[in-house]
């Protein structure tokens, strides 16, 4: 019974050529990693945050020009870099004010 019933075969439609998926921008990944490190690492957080901001700004240009992925990574790296730089700048300013007020004026009072 199965031999008598043959299915009609239709030709397959032409397939599109395979194109690889777009790459993720490496500078955007570096900006995110540096941005996270700028928040976590206490002593060099300002410098690492500035590097994250620079990498993020360069990656925005590359992503737009090359049509790559990673715009969200670059935004997150930029935000983390700004947050890390501002946090560590405020910490350094407060520490400098405390140290300056306590030691500097005591030296003049002891004379």
PDB file of N, CA and C in Angstrom:
ATOM      1  N   UNK A   1       0.803  -1.177   0.000  1.00  0.00           N
ATOM      2  CA  UNK A   1       0.000   0.000   0.000  1.00  0.00           C
ATOM      3  C   UNK A   1       0.860   1.260   0.000  1.00  0.00           C
ATOM      4  N   UNK A   2       1.959   1.180   0.681  1.00  0.00           N
ATOM      5  CA  UNK A   2       2.845   2.338   0.720  1.00  0.00           C
ATOM      6  C   UNK A   2       3.545   2.544  -0.609  1.00  0.00           C
ATOM      7  N   UNK A   3       3.768   1.488  -1.328  1.00  0.00           N
ATOM      8  CA  UNK A   3       4.460   1.632  -2.607  1.00  0.00           C
ATOM      9  C   UNK A   3       3.615   2.372  -3.618  1.00  0.00           C
ATOM     10  N   UNK A   4       2.324   2.221  -3.526  1.00  0.00           N
ATOM     11  CA  UNK A   4       1.441   2.875  -4.474  1.00  0.00           C
ATOM     12  C   UNK A   4       1.305   4.361  -4.198  1.00  0.00           C
ATOM     13  N   UNK A   5       1.496   4.766  -2.955  1.00  0.00           N
ATOM     14  CA  UNK A   5       1.321   6.166  -2.594  1.00  0.00           C
ATOM     15  C   UNK A   5       2.683   6.849  -2.541  1.00  0.00           C
ATOM     16  N   UNK A   6       2.956   7.583  -3.535  1.00  0.00           N
ATOM     17  CA  UNK A   6       4.211   8.326  -3.563  1.00  0.00           C
ATOM     18  C   UNK A   6       3.920   9.791  -3.312  1.00  0.00           C
ATOM     19  N   UNK A   7       4.781  10.370  -2.514  1.00  0.00           N
ATOM     20  CA  UNK A   7       4.613  11.795  -2.226  1.00  0.00           C
ATOM     21  C   UNK A   7       5.166  12.620  -3.368  1.00  0.00           C
ATOM     22  N   UNK A   8       4.494  13.696  -3.617  1.00  0.00           N
ATOM     23  CA  UNK A   8       5.011  14.605  -4.633  1.00  0.00           C
ATOM     24  C   UNK A   8       6.188  15.357  -4.047  1.00  0.00           C
ATOM     25  N   UNK A   9       7.230  15.400  -4.790  1.00  0.00           N
ATOM     26  CA  UNK A   9       8.417  16.086  -4.316  1.00  0.00           C
ATOM     27  C   UNK A   9       8.510  17.434  -4.996  1.00  0.00           C
ATOM     28  N   UNK A  10       8.713  18.413  -4.170  1.00  0.00           N
ATOM     29  CA  UNK A  10       8.864  19.765  -4.683  1.00  0.00           C
ATOM     30  C   UNK A  10      10.339  20.144  -4.601  1.00  0.00           C
ATOM     31  N   UNK A  11      10.791  20.860  -5.564  1.00  0.00           N
ATOM     32  CA  UNK A  11      12.198  21.269  -5.489  1.00  0.00           C
ATOM     33  C   UNK A  11      12.369  22.304  -4.369  1.00  0.00           C
ATOM     34  N   UNK A  12      13.496  22.243  -3.745  1.00  0.00           N
ATOM     35  CA  UNK A  12      13.782  23.189  -2.682  1.00  0.00           C
ATOM     36  C   UNK A  12      14.020  24.581  -3.267  1.00  0.00           C
ATOM     37  N   UNK A  13      13.568  25.606  -2.546  1.00  0.00           N
ATOM     38  CA  UNK A  13      13.845  26.962  -3.040  1.00  0.00           C
ATOM     39  C   UNK A  13      15.340  27.267  -2.899  1.00  0.00           C
ATOM     40  N   UNK A  14      15.841  28.156  -3.710  1.00  0.00           N
ATOM     41  CA  UNK A  14      17.274  28.462  -3.595  1.00  0.00           C
ATOM     42  C   UNK A  14      17.572  29.088  -2.239  1.00  0.00           C
ATOM     43  N   UNK A  15      18.670  28.670  -1.648  1.00  0.00           N
ATOM     44  CA  UNK A  15      19.033  29.157  -0.326  1.00  0.00           C
ATOM     45  C   UNK A  15      19.975  30.346  -0.442  1.00  0.00           C
ATOM     46  N   UNK A  16      19.871  31.203   0.550  1.00  0.00           N
ATOM     47  CA  UNK A  16      20.748  32.363   0.604  1.00  0.00           C
ATOM     48  C   UNK A  16      22.158  31.900   0.981  1.00  0.00           C
ATOM     49  N   UNK A  17      23.162  32.548   0.459  1.00  0.00           N
ATOM     50  CA  UNK A  17      24.511  32.157   0.856  1.00  0.00           C
ATOM     51  C   UNK A  17      24.741  32.485   2.333  1.00  0.00           C
ATOM     52  N   UNK A  18      25.528  31.667   2.968  1.00  0.00           N
ATOM     53  CA  UNK A  18      25.799  31.826   4.393  1.00  0.00           C
ATOM     54  C   UNK A  18      26.690  33.040   4.601  1.00  0.00           C
ATOM     55  N   UNK A  19      26.251  33.909   5.500  1.00  0.00           N
ATOM     56  CA  UNK A  19      27.096  35.042   5.872  1.00  0.00           C
ATOM     57  C   UNK A  19      27.383  34.927   7.359  1.00  0.00           C
ATOM     58  N   UNK A  20      28.623  35.112   7.744  1.00  0.00           N
ATOM     59  CA  UNK A  20      28.949  34.988   9.165  1.00  0.00           C
ATOM     60  C   UNK A  20      28.304  36.115   9.961  1.00  0.00           C
ATOM     61  N   UNK A  21      27.997  35.861  11.216  1.00  0.00           N
ATOM     62  CA  UNK A  21      27.385  36.910  12.037  1.00  0.00           C
ATOM     63  C   UNK A  21      28.372  38.058  12.263  1.00  0.00           C
ATOM     64  N   UNK A  22      27.874  39.266  12.473  1.00  0.00           N
ATOM     65  CA  UNK A  22      28.787  40.385  12.702  1.00  0.00           C
ATOM     66  C   UNK A  22      29.582  40.183  13.985  1.00  0.00           C
ATOM     67  N   UNK A  23      30.800  40.670  13.965  1.00  0.00           N
ATOM     68  CA  UNK A  23      31.689  40.518  15.109  1.00  0.00           C
ATOM     69  C   UNK A  23      31.367  41.547  16.182  1.00  0.00           C
ATOM     70  N   UNK A  24      31.725  41.196  17.399  1.00  0.00           N
ATOM     71  CA  UNK A  24      31.625  42.141  18.509  1.00  0.00           C
ATOM     72  C   UNK A  24      32.914  42.940  18.563  1.00  0.00           C
ATOM     73  N   UNK A  25      32.777  44.227  18.720  1.00  0.00           N
ATOM     74  CA  UNK A  25      33.934  45.113  18.731  1.00  0.00           C
ATOM     75  C   UNK A  25      34.810  44.831  19.948  1.00  0.00           C
ATOM     76  N   UNK A  26      36.100  44.648  19.709  1.00  0.00           N
ATOM     77  CA  UNK A  26      37.031  44.340  20.790  1.00  0.00           C
ATOM     78  C   UNK A  26      37.262  45.508  21.730  1.00  0.00           C
ATOM     79  N   UNK A  27      37.216  46.706  21.186  1.00  0.00           N
ATOM     80  CA  UNK A  27      37.406  47.885  22.041  1.00  0.00           C
ATOM     81  C   UNK A  27      36.229  48.073  22.998  1.00  0.00           C
ATOM     82  N   UNK A  28      35.035  47.661  22.576  1.00  0.00           N
ATOM     83  CA  UNK A  28      33.869  47.740  23.457  1.00  0.00           C
ATOM     84  C   UNK A  28      34.012  46.763  24.613  1.00  0.00           C
ATOM     85  N   UNK A  29      34.528  45.575  24.320  1.00  0.00           N
ATOM     86  CA  UNK A  29      34.766  44.594  25.380  1.00  0.00           C
ATOM     87  C   UNK A  29      35.820  45.121  26.347  1.00  0.00           C
ATOM     88  N   UNK A  30      36.894  45.693  25.793  1.00  0.00           N
ATOM     89  CA  UNK A  30      37.951  46.253  26.647  1.00  0.00           C
ATOM     90  C   UNK A  30      37.415  47.402  27.496  1.00  0.00           C
ATOM     91  N   UNK A  31      36.541  48.229  26.925  1.00  0.00           N
ATOM     92  CA  UNK A  31      35.964  49.340  27.684  1.00  0.00           C
ATOM     93  C   UNK A  31      35.135  48.833  28.852  1.00  0.00           C
ATOM     94  N   UNK A  32      34.364  47.774  28.634  1.00  0.00           N
ATOM     95  CA  UNK A  32      33.553  47.222  29.717  1.00  0.00           C
ATOM     96  C   UNK A  32      34.434  46.632  30.815  1.00  0.00           C
ATOM     97  N   UNK A  33      35.446  45.879  30.434  1.00  0.00           N
ATOM     98  CA  UNK A  33      36.338  45.271  31.433  1.00  0.00           C
ATOM     99  C   UNK A  33      37.063  46.351  32.225  1.00  0.00           C
ATOM    100  N   UNK A  34      37.599  47.345  31.531  1.00  0.00           N
ATOM    101  CA  UNK A  34      38.300  48.424  32.227  1.00  0.00           C
ATOM    102  C   UNK A  34      37.343  49.234  33.102  1.00  0.00           C
ATOM    103  N   UNK A  35      36.113  49.437  32.632  1.00  0.00           N
ATOM    104  CA  UNK A  35      35.127  50.168  33.429  1.00  0.00           C
ATOM    105  C   UNK A  35      34.786  49.455  34.718  1.00  0.00           C
ATOM    106  N   UNK A  36      34.640  48.143  34.642  1.00  0.00           N
ATOM    107  CA  UNK A  36      34.362  47.371  35.858  1.00  0.00           C
ATOM    108  C   UNK A  36      35.565  47.416  36.793  1.00  0.00           C
ATOM    109  N   UNK A  37      36.765  47.261  36.230  1.00  0.00           N
ATOM    110  CA  UNK A  37      37.973  47.327  37.058  1.00  0.00           C
ATOM    111  C   UNK A  37      38.164  48.701  37.691  1.00  0.00           C
ATOM    112  N   UNK A  38      37.717  49.746  37.007  1.00  0.00           N
ATOM    113  CA  UNK A  38      37.884  51.085  37.574  1.00  0.00           C
ATOM    114  C   UNK A  38      37.042  51.279  38.831  1.00  0.00           C
ATOM    115  N   UNK A  39      35.958  50.560  38.929  1.00  0.00           N
ATOM    116  CA  UNK A  39      35.129  50.640  40.131  1.00  0.00           C
ATOM    117  C   UNK A  39      35.733  49.785  41.241  1.00  0.00           C
ATOM    118  N   UNK A  40      36.292  48.645  40.879  1.00  0.00           N
ATOM    119  CA  UNK A  40      36.760  47.678  41.870  1.00  0.00           C
ATOM    120  C   UNK A  40      38.153  48.016  42.411  1.00  0.00           C
ATOM    121  N   UNK A  41      39.086  48.373  41.537  1.00  0.00           N
ATOM    122  CA  UNK A  41      40.481  48.568  41.947  1.00  0.00           C
ATOM    123  C   UNK A  41      40.645  49.956  42.558  1.00  0.00           C
ATOM    124  N   UNK A  42      41.073  50.024  43.813  1.00  0.00           N
ATOM    125  CA  UNK A  42      41.070  51.310  44.499  1.00  0.00           C
ATOM    126  C   UNK A  42      42.190  52.270  44.109  1.00  0.00           C
ATOM    127  N   UNK A  43      43.403  51.818  43.961  1.00  0.00           N
ATOM    128  CA  UNK A  43      44.515  52.751  43.787  1.00  0.00           C
ATOM    129  C   UNK A  43      44.608  53.342  42.388  1.00  0.00           C
ATOM    130  N   UNK A  44      44.343  52.552  41.387  1.00  0.00           N
ATOM    131  CA  UNK A  44      44.479  53.015  40.009  1.00  0.00           C
ATOM    132  C   UNK A  44      43.127  53.179  39.319  1.00  0.00           C
ATOM    133  N   UNK A  45      42.077  53.343  40.091  1.00  0.00           N
ATOM    134  CA  UNK A  45      40.728  53.440  39.541  1.00  0.00           C
ATOM    135  C   UNK A  45      40.521  54.630  38.628  1.00  0.00           C
ATOM    136  N   UNK A  46      41.180  55.746  38.932  1.00  0.00           N
ATOM    137  CA  UNK A  46      41.021  56.946  38.100  1.00  0.00           C
ATOM    138  C   UNK A  46      41.633  56.717  36.719  1.00  0.00           C
ATOM    139  N   UNK A  47      42.850  56.173  36.707  1.00  0.00           N
ATOM    140  CA  UNK A  47      43.523  55.954  35.421  1.00  0.00           C
ATOM    141  C   UNK A  47      42.819  54.884  34.585  1.00  0.00           C
ATOM    142  N   UNK A  48      42.381  53.833  35.240  1.00  0.00           N
ATOM    143  CA  UNK A  48      41.673  52.773  34.519  1.00  0.00           C
ATOM    144  C   UNK A  48      40.327  53.288  34.005  1.00  0.00           C
ATOM    145  N   UNK A  49      39.659  54.125  34.791  1.00  0.00           N
ATOM    146  CA  UNK A  49      38.391  54.703  34.347  1.00  0.00           C
ATOM    147  C   UNK A  49      38.554  55.607  33.142  1.00  0.00           C
ATOM    148  N   UNK A  50      39.637  56.380  33.126  1.00  0.00           N
ATOM    149  CA  UNK A  50      39.907  57.239  31.969  1.00  0.00           C
ATOM    150  C   UNK A  50      40.173  56.381  30.738  1.00  0.00           C
ATOM    151  N   UNK A  51      40.917  55.288  30.924  1.00  0.00           N
ATOM    152  CA  UNK A  51      41.173  54.377  29.797  1.00  0.00           C
ATOM    153  C   UNK A  51      39.863  53.756  29.297  1.00  0.00           C
ATOM    154  N   UNK A  52      38.952  53.434  30.206  1.00  0.00           N
ATOM    155  CA  UNK A  52      37.657  52.871  29.805  1.00  0.00           C
ATOM    156  C   UNK A  52      36.848  53.878  29.002  1.00  0.00           C
ATOM    157  N   UNK A  53      36.891  55.136  29.412  1.00  0.00           N
ATOM    158  CA  UNK A  53      36.166  56.182  28.682  1.00  0.00           C
ATOM    159  C   UNK A  53      36.742  56.349  27.276  1.00  0.00           C
ATOM    160  N   UNK A  54      38.068  56.319  27.170  1.00  0.00           N
ATOM    161  CA  UNK A  54      38.719  56.468  25.864  1.00  0.00           C
ATOM    162  C   UNK A  54      38.386  55.285  24.954  1.00  0.00           C
ATOM    163  N   UNK A  55      38.484  54.061  25.492  1.00  0.00           N
ATOM    164  CA  UNK A  55      38.162  52.880  24.687  1.00  0.00           C
ATOM    165  C   UNK A  55      36.701  52.895  24.247  1.00  0.00           C
ATOM    166  N   UNK A  56      35.809  53.327  25.120  1.00  0.00           N
ATOM    167  CA  UNK A  56      34.388  53.372  24.759  1.00  0.00           C
ATOM    168  C   UNK A  56      34.138  54.373  23.637  1.00  0.00           C
ATOM    169  N   UNK A  57      34.788  55.530  23.708  1.00  0.00           N
ATOM    170  CA  UNK A  57      34.571  56.524  22.659  1.00  0.00           C
ATOM    171  C   UNK A  57      35.133  56.054  21.320  1.00  0.00           C
ATOM    172  N   UNK A  58      36.281  55.381  21.343  1.00  0.00           N
ATOM    173  CA  UNK A  58      36.822  54.834  20.091  1.00  0.00           C
ATOM    174  C   UNK A  58      35.947  53.710  19.549  1.00  0.00           C
ATOM    175  N   UNK A  59      35.390  52.908  20.452  1.00  0.00           N
ATOM    176  CA  UNK A  59      34.571  51.790  19.984  1.00  0.00           C
ATOM    177  C   UNK A  59      33.260  52.274  19.374  1.00  0.00           C
ATOM    178  N   UNK A  60      32.699  53.379  19.866  1.00  0.00           N
ATOM    179  CA  UNK A  60      31.486  53.917  19.243  1.00  0.00           C
ATOM    180  C   UNK A  60      31.738  54.273  17.778  1.00  0.00           C
ATOM    181  N   UNK A  61      32.891  54.864  17.498  1.00  0.00           N
ATOM    182  CA  UNK A  61      33.224  55.214  16.115  1.00  0.00           C
ATOM    183  C   UNK A  61      33.408  53.966  15.262  1.00  0.00           C
ATOM    184  N   UNK A  62      34.108  52.962  15.806  1.00  0.00           N
ATOM    185  CA  UNK A  62      34.333  51.734  15.051  1.00  0.00           C
ATOM    186  C   UNK A  62      33.036  50.974  14.791  1.00  0.00           C
ATOM    187  N   UNK A  63      32.169  50.936  15.785  1.00  0.00           N
ATOM    188  CA  UNK A  63      30.909  50.205  15.640  1.00  0.00           C
ATOM    189  C   UNK A  63      30.043  50.849  14.567  1.00  0.00           C
ATOM    190  N   UNK A  64      30.016  52.150  14.546  1.00  0.00           N
ATOM    191  CA  UNK A  64      29.216  52.845  13.537  1.00  0.00           C
ATOM    192  C   UNK A  64      29.796  52.657  12.140  1.00  0.00           C
ATOM    193  N   UNK A  65      31.116  52.710  12.036  1.00  0.00           N
ATOM    194  CA  UNK A  65      31.758  52.617  10.731  1.00  0.00           C
ATOM    195  C   UNK A  65      31.740  51.195  10.179  1.00  0.00           C
ATOM    196  N   UNK A  66      31.988  50.199  11.026  1.00  0.00           N
ATOM    197  CA  UNK A  66      32.128  48.816  10.564  1.00  0.00           C
ATOM    198  C   UNK A  66      30.860  47.983  10.727  1.00  0.00           C
ATOM    199  N   UNK A  67      29.807  48.554  11.294  1.00  0.00           N
ATOM    200  CA  UNK A  67      28.546  47.840  11.518  1.00  0.00           C
ATOM    201  C   UNK A  67      28.775  46.590  12.377  1.00  0.00           C
ATOM    202  N   UNK A  68      29.494  46.767  13.479  1.00  0.00           N
ATOM    203  CA  UNK A  68      29.773  45.663  14.382  1.00  0.00           C
ATOM    204  C   UNK A  68      28.798  45.685  15.552  1.00  0.00           C
ATOM    205  N   UNK A  69      28.843  44.617  16.321  1.00  0.00           N
ATOM    206  CA  UNK A  69      28.041  44.530  17.541  1.00  0.00           C
ATOM    207  C   UNK A  69      28.850  45.081  18.709  1.00  0.00           C
ATOM    208  N   UNK A  70      28.183  45.361  19.814  1.00  0.00           N
ATOM    209  CA  UNK A  70      28.879  45.780  21.017  1.00  0.00           C
ATOM    210  C   UNK A  70      28.565  47.185  21.476  1.00  0.00           C
ATOM    211  N   UNK A  71      27.537  47.786  20.922  1.00  0.00           N
ATOM    212  CA  UNK A  71      27.189  49.145  21.343  1.00  0.00           C
ATOM    213  C   UNK A  71      26.774  49.179  22.816  1.00  0.00           C
ATOM    214  N   UNK A  72      26.049  48.173  23.269  1.00  0.00           N
ATOM    215  CA  UNK A  72      25.651  48.103  24.673  1.00  0.00           C
ATOM    216  C   UNK A  72      26.843  47.901  25.592  1.00  0.00           C
ATOM    217  N   UNK A  73      27.807  47.100  25.139  1.00  0.00           N
ATOM    218  CA  UNK A  73      29.024  46.906  25.923  1.00  0.00           C
ATOM    219  C   UNK A  73      29.793  48.217  26.052  1.00  0.00           C
ATOM    220  N   UNK A  74      29.845  48.962  24.958  1.00  0.00           N
ATOM    221  CA  UNK A  74      30.559  50.238  24.986  1.00  0.00           C
ATOM    222  C   UNK A  74      29.858  51.238  25.904  1.00  0.00           C
ATOM    223  N   UNK A  75      28.512  51.256  25.867  1.00  0.00           N
ATOM    224  CA  UNK A  75      27.776  52.153  26.768  1.00  0.00           C
ATOM    225  C   UNK A  75      28.016  51.780  28.227  1.00  0.00           C
ATOM    226  N   UNK A  76      27.972  50.486  28.517  1.00  0.00           N
ATOM    227  CA  UNK A  76      28.199  50.037  29.894  1.00  0.00           C
ATOM    228  C   UNK A  76      29.622  50.353  30.339  1.00  0.00           C
ATOM    229  N   UNK A  77      30.596  50.182  29.444  1.00  0.00           N
ATOM    230  CA  UNK A  77      31.976  50.522  29.775  1.00  0.00           C
ATOM    231  C   UNK A  77      32.159  52.006  30.010  1.00  0.00           C
ATOM    232  N   UNK A  78      31.464  52.816  29.222  1.00  0.00           N
ATOM    233  CA  UNK A  78      31.528  54.264  29.407  1.00  0.00           C
ATOM    234  C   UNK A  78      30.934  54.674  30.749  1.00  0.00           C
ATOM    235  N   UNK A  79      29.778  54.131  31.073  1.00  0.00           N
ATOM    236  CA  UNK A  79      29.131  54.468  32.346  1.00  0.00           C
ATOM    237  C   UNK A  79      29.976  54.003  33.524  1.00  0.00           C
ATOM    238  N   UNK A  80      30.478  52.761  33.457  1.00  0.00           N
ATOM    239  CA  UNK A  80      31.312  52.253  34.552  1.00  0.00           C
ATOM    240  C   UNK A  80      32.597  53.058  34.683  1.00  0.00           C
ATOM    241  N   UNK A  81      33.177  53.472  33.557  1.00  0.00           N
ATOM    242  CA  UNK A  81      34.387  54.284  33.611  1.00  0.00           C
ATOM    243  C   UNK A  81      34.137  55.640  34.241  1.00  0.00           C
ATOM    244  N   UNK A  82      33.016  56.249  33.900  1.00  0.00           N
ATOM    245  CA  UNK A  82      32.671  57.550  34.491  1.00  0.00           C
ATOM    246  C   UNK A  82      32.391  57.397  35.981  1.00  0.00           C
ATOM    247  N   UNK A  83      31.644  56.359  36.349  1.00  0.00           N
ATOM    248  CA  UNK A  83      31.334  56.134  37.764  1.00  0.00           C
ATOM    249  C   UNK A  83      32.606  55.846  38.555  1.00  0.00           C
ATOM    250  N   UNK A  84      33.460  54.972  38.028  1.00  0.00           N
ATOM    251  CA  UNK A  84      34.692  54.641  38.734  1.00  0.00           C
ATOM    252  C   UNK A  84      35.617  55.834  38.884  1.00  0.00           C
ATOM    253  N   UNK A  85      35.742  56.625  37.816  1.00  0.00           N
ATOM    254  CA  UNK A  85      36.592  57.811  37.875  1.00  0.00           C
ATOM    255  C   UNK A  85      36.041  58.827  38.871  1.00  0.00           C
ATOM    256  N   UNK A  86      34.743  59.039  38.853  1.00  0.00           N
ATOM    257  CA  UNK A  86      34.172  60.031  39.768  1.00  0.00           C
ATOM    258  C   UNK A  86      34.229  59.565  41.217  1.00  0.00           C
ATOM    259  N   UNK A  87      33.976  58.285  41.457  1.00  0.00           N
ATOM    260  CA  UNK A  87      34.045  57.777  42.835  1.00  0.00           C
ATOM    261  C   UNK A  87      35.459  57.931  43.387  1.00  0.00           C
ATOM    262  N   UNK A  88      36.445  57.502  42.626  1.00  0.00           N
ATOM    263  CA  UNK A  88      37.820  57.564  43.126  1.00  0.00           C
ATOM    264  C   UNK A  88      38.337  59.000  43.196  1.00  0.00           C
ATOM    265  N   UNK A  89      37.848  59.854  42.328  1.00  0.00           N
ATOM    266  CA  UNK A  89      38.227  61.268  42.429  1.00  0.00           C
ATOM    267  C   UNK A  89      37.674  61.878  43.715  1.00  0.00           C
ATOM    268  N   UNK A  90      36.415  61.589  44.008  1.00  0.00           N
ATOM    269  CA  UNK A  90      35.825  62.104  45.252  1.00  0.00           C
ATOM    270  C   UNK A  90      36.529  61.540  46.482  1.00  0.00           C
ATOM    271  N   UNK A  91      36.856  60.266  46.445  1.00  0.00           N
ATOM    272  CA  UNK A  91      37.575  59.663  47.574  1.00  0.00           C
ATOM    273  C   UNK A  91      38.927  60.327  47.765  1.00  0.00           C
ATOM    274  N   UNK A  92      39.636  60.567  46.664  1.00  0.00           N
ATOM    275  CA  UNK A  92      40.949  61.216  46.766  1.00  0.00           C
ATOM    276  C   UNK A  92      40.834  62.662  47.250  1.00  0.00           C
ATOM    277  N   UNK A  93      39.830  63.366  46.786  1.00  0.00           N
ATOM    278  CA  UNK A  93      39.642  64.753  47.233  1.00  0.00           C
ATOM    279  C   UNK A  93      39.311  64.794  48.723  1.00  0.00           C
ATOM    280  N   UNK A  94      38.420  63.925  49.159  1.00  0.00           N
ATOM    281  CA  UNK A  94      38.066  63.891  50.582  1.00  0.00           C
ATOM    282  C   UNK A  94      39.277  63.493  51.430  1.00  0.00           C
ATOM    283  N   UNK A  95      40.036  62.503  50.986  1.00  0.00           N
ATOM    284  CA  UNK A  95      41.228  62.084  51.736  1.00  0.00           C
ATOM    285  C   UNK A  95      42.259  63.203  51.787  1.00  0.00           C
ATOM    286  N   UNK A  96      42.409  63.930  50.695  1.00  0.00           N
ATOM    287  CA  UNK A  96      43.362  65.039  50.670  1.00  0.00           C
ATOM    288  C   UNK A  96      42.917  66.150  51.623  1.00  0.00           C
ATOM    289  N   UNK A  97      41.631  66.444  51.641  1.00  0.00           N
ATOM    290  CA  UNK A  97      41.123  67.495  52.533  1.00  0.00           C
ATOM    291  C   UNK A  97      41.313  67.090  53.996  1.00  0.00           C
ATOM    292  N   UNK A  98      41.011  65.853  54.306  1.00  0.00           N
ATOM    293  CA  UNK A  98      41.182  65.386  55.688  1.00  0.00           C
ATOM    294  C   UNK A  98      42.654  65.423  56.083  1.00  0.00           C
ATOM    295  N   UNK A  99      43.517  64.928  55.215  1.00  0.00           N
ATOM    296  CA  UNK A  99      44.953  64.908  55.532  1.00  0.00           C
ATOM    297  C   UNK A  99      45.509  66.315  55.601  1.00  0.00           C
ATOM    298  N   UNK A 100      45.074  67.179  54.712  1.00  0.00           N
ATOM    299  CA  UNK A 100      45.591  68.547  54.678  1.00  0.00           C
ATOM    300  C   UNK A 100      45.157  69.312  55.925  1.00  0.00           C
ATOM    301  N   UNK A 101      43.915  69.151  56.314  1.00  0.00           N
ATOM    302  CA  UNK A 101      43.412  69.871  57.483  1.00  0.00           C
ATOM    303  C   UNK A 101      44.042  69.382  58.777  1.00  0.00           C
ATOM    304  N   UNK A 102      44.258  68.114  58.912  1.00  0.00           N
ATOM    305  CA  UNK A 102      44.766  67.611  60.183  1.00  0.00           C
ATOM    306  C   UNK A 102      46.266  67.830  60.342  1.00  0.00           C
ATOM    307  N   UNK A 103      47.056  67.526  59.331  1.00  0.00           N
ATOM    308  CA  UNK A 103      48.510  67.596  59.501  1.00  0.00           C
ATOM    309  C   UNK A 103      49.071  68.980  59.217  1.00  0.00           C
ATOM    310  N   UNK A 104      48.541  69.653  58.260  1.00  0.00           N
ATOM    311  CA  UNK A 104      49.095  70.949  57.873  1.00  0.00           C
ATOM    312  C   UNK A 104      48.906  71.986  58.980  1.00  0.00           C
ATOM    313  N   UNK A 105      47.724  72.054  59.535  1.00  0.00           N
ATOM    314  CA  UNK A 105      47.454  73.062  60.544  1.00  0.00           C
ATOM    315  C   UNK A 105      48.074  72.708  61.888  1.00  0.00           C
ATOM    316  N   UNK A 106      48.228  71.436  62.165  1.00  0.00           N
ATOM    317  CA  UNK A 106      48.902  71.038  63.394  1.00  0.00           C
ATOM    318  C   UNK A 106      50.376  71.427  63.380  1.00  0.00           C
ATOM    319  N   UNK A 107      50.971  71.399  62.213  1.00  0.00           N
ATOM    320  CA  UNK A 107      52.375  71.784  62.115  1.00  0.00           C
ATOM    321  C   UNK A 107      52.550  73.261  62.424  1.00  0.00           C
ATOM    322  N   UNK A 108      51.610  74.098  62.033  1.00  0.00           N
ATOM    323  CA  UNK A 108      51.707  75.525  62.337  1.00  0.00           C
ATOM    324  C   UNK A 108      51.366  75.832  63.794  1.00  0.00           C
ATOM    325  N   UNK A 109      50.469  75.048  64.373  1.00  0.00           N
ATOM    326  CA  UNK A 109      50.076  75.273  65.762  1.00  0.00           C
ATOM    327  C   UNK A 109      51.173  74.869  66.746  1.00  0.00           C
ATOM    328  N   UNK A 110      52.023  73.945  66.342  1.00  0.00           N
ATOM    329  CA  UNK A 110      53.076  73.483  67.235  1.00  0.00           C
ATOM    330  C   UNK A 110      54.263  74.439  67.289  1.00  0.00           C
ATOM    331  N   UNK A 111      54.352  75.409  66.473  1.00  0.00           N
ATOM    332  CA  UNK A 111      55.493  76.328  66.444  1.00  0.00           C
ATOM    333  C   UNK A 111      55.457  77.288  67.526  1.00  0.00           C
TER     334      UNK A 111
END
